[in-house]
Amino acid sequence: MNLDISLVKVIYEDNHLIAVNKPGGWLVHGDKTNDTPLSEFVKEFIRIRYKKPGNVFLGVIHRLDRPVSGVLVFAKTSKALTRMNKLFQDRKVTKVYKAITNKSPEKLEGKLVHYLKKDKKKNKSFVYKMDSIRSEGAKKAELTYKMLGRIAGHHLFEIHPITGRPHQIRVQLSAIGCPINGDLKYGFTKAGPDATIYLHCTELSFIHPIKKEKVTIKASLPKDQVWELFD
């Protein structure tokens, strides 16, 4: 398999971790579509750059939905993978996202709390009231948001997820009447370019699992005429 490693935009690397600016529309890990995931491109990047023979170890620590872009961190060693998994599980990784909608929320900043449950067959999360007979298995989802600006009918949000539920930001913004631009699955009326949506992970911060130093990794916004209104 010949993979074009120039498509891999590395934004952080050391002996234990490698982070890339994931383009929207890319899979992180393989699925039933059999499309080549970003993880395989990163493996090839490491193999060629460091002239590694044979298979390259690369641990998938976390995921971004296929239509979402931004900071994505992989582990280059099994020790880093185990420790980073623990950091995510213990909510010791700070995440910052930006999103664009075409509607303004009732409050320009605040905290959202919903109970979400994913329908695996539909690959879609739904909001439930906890007294609903269908709410069994729903999990609490929390985030804070702030609207940063509005240009030409586009509204820019900064979002700090507290929990990490499937499709959390997408479904929670939709639940307050502000579906993310391009997100047909959660109520937007028009698809984004190349089936992407206007949700981007701009920053991840954590204590390095080996070096024990604070690491902050940032990813620039996609090159797109709507994102560039706010860049």
Protein backbone atom coordinates (compact mmCIF):
# COMPACT_ATOMS: atom_id res chain seq x y z
CA MET A 1 0.00 0.00 0.00
CA ASN A 2 1.47 3.32 -1.08
CA LEU A 3 0.28 6.12 1.18
CA ASP A 4 0.95 9.82 0.61
CA ILE A 5 2.52 10.83 3.92
CA SER A 6 2.56 14.49 2.88
CA LEU A 7 -1.11 14.44 3.93
CA VAL A 8 -0.02 13.91 7.55
CA LYS A 9 0.25 17.29 9.32
CA VAL A 10 2.33 16.61 12.45
CA ILE A 11 1.90 19.29 15.13
CA TYR A 12 3.72 17.59 18.03
CA GLU A 13 6.11 14.68 18.37
CA ASP A 14 8.50 13.17 20.88
CA ASN A 15 9.69 9.62 21.63
CA HIS A 16 6.35 8.66 23.18
CA LEU A 17 3.59 10.62 21.42
CA ILE A 18 2.75 12.01 18.02
CA ALA A 19 -0.08 14.46 17.34
CA VAL A 20 -1.54 15.50 14.01
CA ASN A 21 -4.02 18.08 12.77
CA LYS A 22 -6.72 15.70 11.54
CA PRO A 23 -8.55 16.83 8.41
CA GLY A 24 -12.32 16.61 8.47
CA GLY A 25 -13.65 13.59 6.55
CA TRP A 26 -10.88 11.21 7.65
CA LEU A 27 -11.41 8.09 9.72
CA VAL A 28 -9.19 7.78 12.78
CA HIS A 29 -9.36 3.98 12.93
CA GLY A 30 -10.52 1.40 10.42
CA ASP A 31 -14.22 0.54 10.14
CA LYS A 32 -16.66 -1.33 7.90
CA THR A 33 -16.15 1.17 5.06
CA ASN A 34 -12.63 -0.22 4.56
CA ASP A 35 -11.40 3.32 3.89
CA THR A 36 -7.75 3.76 4.86
CA PRO A 37 -7.74 5.44 8.29
CA LEU A 38 -5.47 8.25 9.41
CA SER A 39 -3.71 5.88 11.82
CA GLU A 40 -2.25 3.97 8.84
CA PHE A 41 -0.92 7.19 7.30
CA VAL A 42 0.73 8.12 10.61
CA LYS A 43 2.31 4.66 10.86
CA GLU A 44 3.71 5.07 7.36
CA PHE A 45 4.99 8.54 8.23
CA ILE A 46 6.92 7.10 11.23
CA ARG A 47 8.19 4.10 9.26
CA ILE A 48 9.61 6.27 6.46
CA ARG A 49 10.89 9.14 8.59
CA TYR A 50 12.79 6.87 11.00
CA LYS A 51 13.56 4.08 8.49
CA LYS A 52 11.82 1.47 10.66
CA PRO A 53 11.64 -2.04 9.19
CA GLY A 54 8.48 -4.08 9.62
CA ASN A 55 5.38 -3.04 11.51
CA VAL A 56 5.26 0.24 13.45
CA PHE A 57 3.51 0.41 16.83
CA LEU A 58 0.89 3.15 17.00
CA GLY A 59 -1.74 3.28 19.71
CA VAL A 60 -5.08 5.01 19.12
CA ILE A 61 -5.71 6.96 22.34
CA HIS A 62 -8.88 8.85 21.45
CA ARG A 63 -11.01 9.61 18.43
CA LEU A 64 -12.59 12.48 16.57
CA ASP A 65 -15.76 11.81 14.59
CA ARG A 66 -15.06 11.38 10.89
CA PRO A 67 -16.44 14.80 9.85
CA VAL A 68 -14.59 16.61 12.69
CA SER A 69 -11.08 18.09 12.40
CA GLY A 70 -8.33 19.09 14.82
CA VAL A 71 -5.87 17.80 17.40
CA LEU A 72 -5.48 14.03 17.46
CA VAL A 73 -2.85 12.33 19.62
CA PHE A 74 -1.43 8.84 19.08
CA ALA A 75 0.92 6.82 21.29
CA LYS A 76 4.24 5.60 19.89
CA THR A 77 4.85 3.22 22.81
CA SER A 78 2.63 0.83 24.78
CA LYS A 79 3.56 2.58 28.04
CA ALA A 80 2.41 5.93 26.68
CA LEU A 81 -0.80 4.34 25.38
CA THR A 82 -1.71 2.86 28.76
CA ARG A 83 -0.97 6.06 30.65
CA MET A 84 -2.72 8.34 28.16
CA ASN A 85 -5.80 6.10 28.23
CA LYS A 86 -5.86 6.57 32.01
CA LEU A 87 -5.58 10.37 31.66
CA PHE A 88 -8.59 10.42 29.33
CA GLN A 89 -10.57 8.08 31.57
CA ASP A 90 -9.84 10.24 34.62
CA ARG A 91 -10.79 13.43 32.70
CA LYS A 92 -7.32 14.87 33.13
CA VAL A 93 -7.10 16.03 29.52
CA THR A 94 -8.39 19.53 28.82
CA LYS A 95 -10.06 19.87 25.42
CA VAL A 96 -11.01 23.03 23.56
CA TYR A 97 -13.15 23.04 20.43
CA LYS A 98 -14.46 25.68 18.08
CA ALA A 99 -17.74 25.30 16.24
CA ILE A 100 -19.72 27.39 13.77
CA THR A 101 -23.51 27.47 13.68
CA ASN A 102 -25.97 29.68 11.83
CA LYS A 103 -28.02 30.37 14.94
CA SER A 104 -27.37 32.14 18.22
CA PRO A 105 -28.20 30.46 21.55
CA GLU A 106 -30.58 32.07 24.02
CA LYS A 107 -27.63 32.64 26.37
CA LEU A 108 -24.30 33.69 24.86
CA GLU A 109 -22.38 31.53 27.33
CA GLY A 110 -23.23 28.86 29.84
CA LYS A 111 -23.14 25.19 30.78
CA LEU A 112 -25.14 22.45 29.09
CA VAL A 113 -26.17 19.27 30.88
CA HIS A 114 -28.03 16.53 29.02
CA TYR A 115 -28.49 12.77 29.27
CA LEU A 116 -27.38 11.03 26.09
CA LYS A 117 -27.77 7.55 24.74
CA LYS A 118 -26.27 6.29 21.48
CA ASP A 119 -28.22 4.18 19.02
CA LYS A 120 -25.46 2.03 17.56
CA LYS A 121 -27.53 0.92 14.57
CA LYS A 122 -28.17 4.53 13.55
CA ASN A 123 -24.75 5.71 14.79
CA LYS A 124 -26.52 8.63 16.42
CA SER A 125 -26.90 9.94 19.98
CA PHE A 126 -30.21 11.12 21.43
CA VAL A 127 -31.15 13.35 24.35
CA TYR A 128 -33.41 11.87 27.05
CA LYS A 129 -35.11 13.11 30.16
CA MET A 130 -34.09 10.92 33.08
CA ASP A 131 -37.72 10.17 33.94
CA SER A 132 -38.35 8.79 30.44
CA ILE A 133 -39.00 5.06 30.16
CA ARG A 134 -36.48 5.03 27.29
CA SER A 135 -33.71 6.72 29.26
CA GLU A 136 -32.19 3.52 30.65
CA GLY A 137 -28.50 3.54 29.80
CA ALA A 138 -28.39 7.29 29.12
CA LYS A 139 -25.25 8.98 30.43
CA LYS A 140 -24.76 12.49 31.74
CA ALA A 141 -23.05 14.84 29.28
CA GLU A 142 -21.66 18.23 30.30
CA LEU A 143 -19.91 21.04 28.49
CA THR A 144 -19.42 24.78 28.75
CA TYR A 145 -19.68 27.10 25.79
CA LYS A 146 -19.18 30.73 24.89
CA MET A 147 -20.16 32.51 21.70
CA LEU A 148 -17.09 34.40 20.49
CA GLY A 149 -18.48 36.31 17.56
CA ARG A 150 -20.86 36.56 14.62
CA ILE A 151 -19.96 37.37 11.02
CA ALA A 152 -22.25 37.18 7.97
CA GLY A 153 -24.77 34.99 9.75
CA HIS A 154 -22.13 32.59 11.09
CA HIS A 155 -21.79 32.19 14.87
CA LEU A 156 -18.47 31.06 16.36
CA PHE A 157 -18.49 29.07 19.62
CA GLU A 158 -15.68 28.02 21.95
CA ILE A 159 -16.55 24.78 23.69
CA HIS A 160 -14.99 22.99 26.65
CA PRO A 161 -16.36 19.46 27.02
CA ILE A 162 -16.32 18.13 30.58
CA THR A 163 -17.41 14.60 29.70
CA GLY A 164 -16.59 12.64 26.56
CA ARG A 165 -19.80 11.09 25.25
CA PRO A 166 -20.26 9.98 21.62
CA HIS A 167 -21.14 12.94 19.37
CA GLN A 168 -21.56 15.00 22.55
CA ILE A 169 -20.89 18.51 21.25
CA ARG A 170 -22.89 17.88 18.10
CA VAL A 171 -26.01 16.62 19.85
CA GLN A 172 -25.88 19.10 22.74
CA LEU A 173 -25.63 22.15 20.48
CA SER A 174 -28.44 20.74 18.37
CA ALA A 175 -30.53 20.28 21.51
CA ILE A 176 -30.43 24.04 22.17
CA GLY A 177 -31.40 24.85 18.60
CA CYS A 178 -27.89 25.48 17.26
CA PRO A 179 -26.88 22.52 15.05
CA ILE A 180 -23.33 22.76 13.76
CA ASN A 181 -22.99 23.95 10.17
CA GLY A 182 -22.83 20.99 7.81
CA ASP A 183 -24.04 18.46 10.37
CA LEU A 184 -26.99 16.82 8.61
CA LYS A 185 -27.12 14.06 11.25
CA TYR A 186 -27.99 16.56 13.96
CA GLY A 187 -30.31 18.92 12.20
CA PHE A 188 -28.38 21.21 9.88
CA THR A 189 -30.02 21.60 6.49
CA LYS A 190 -27.01 21.53 4.16
CA ALA A 191 -23.97 19.26 4.04
CA GLY A 192 -20.51 20.72 4.59
CA PRO A 193 -17.70 20.52 2.01
CA ASP A 194 -16.51 16.93 1.50
CA ALA A 195 -19.01 15.73 4.16
CA THR A 196 -17.18 17.67 6.89
CA ILE A 197 -18.78 19.74 9.64
CA TYR A 198 -17.68 22.99 11.26
CA LEU A 199 -16.36 21.47 14.48
CA HIS A 200 -12.62 21.60 15.16
CA CYS A 201 -10.54 20.53 18.17
CA THR A 202 -8.21 23.49 18.57
CA GLU A 203 -6.31 22.43 21.68
CA LEU A 204 -5.49 19.55 24.04
CA SER A 205 -3.61 19.98 27.33
CA PHE A 206 -2.36 17.29 29.71
CA ILE A 207 0.56 16.25 31.88
CA HIS A 208 2.92 14.20 29.72
CA PRO A 209 2.59 10.54 30.76
CA ILE A 210 6.36 9.94 30.78
CA LYS A 211 8.04 13.35 31.17
CA LYS A 212 5.49 14.62 33.73
CA GLU A 213 5.53 18.07 32.12
CA LYS A 214 2.49 20.00 30.96
CA VAL A 215 1.92 19.68 27.23
CA THR A 216 -0.42 21.90 25.22
CA ILE A 217 -0.99 20.96 21.59
CA LYS A 218 -2.78 23.36 19.24
CA ALA A 219 -4.17 22.85 15.76
CA SER A 220 -4.81 25.68 13.32
CA LEU A 221 -8.28 26.04 11.81
CA PRO A 222 -9.01 24.39 8.45
CA LYS A 223 -8.35 26.36 5.28
CA ASP A 224 -11.92 27.15 4.40
CA GLN A 225 -13.66 30.40 3.54
CA VAL A 226 -16.07 30.14 6.47
CA TRP A 227 -13.44 29.27 9.09
CA GLU A 228 -11.20 32.00 7.68
CA LEU A 229 -13.83 34.61 8.57
CA PHE A 230 -12.75 34.06 12.19
CA ASP A 231 -9.07 33.18 11.79
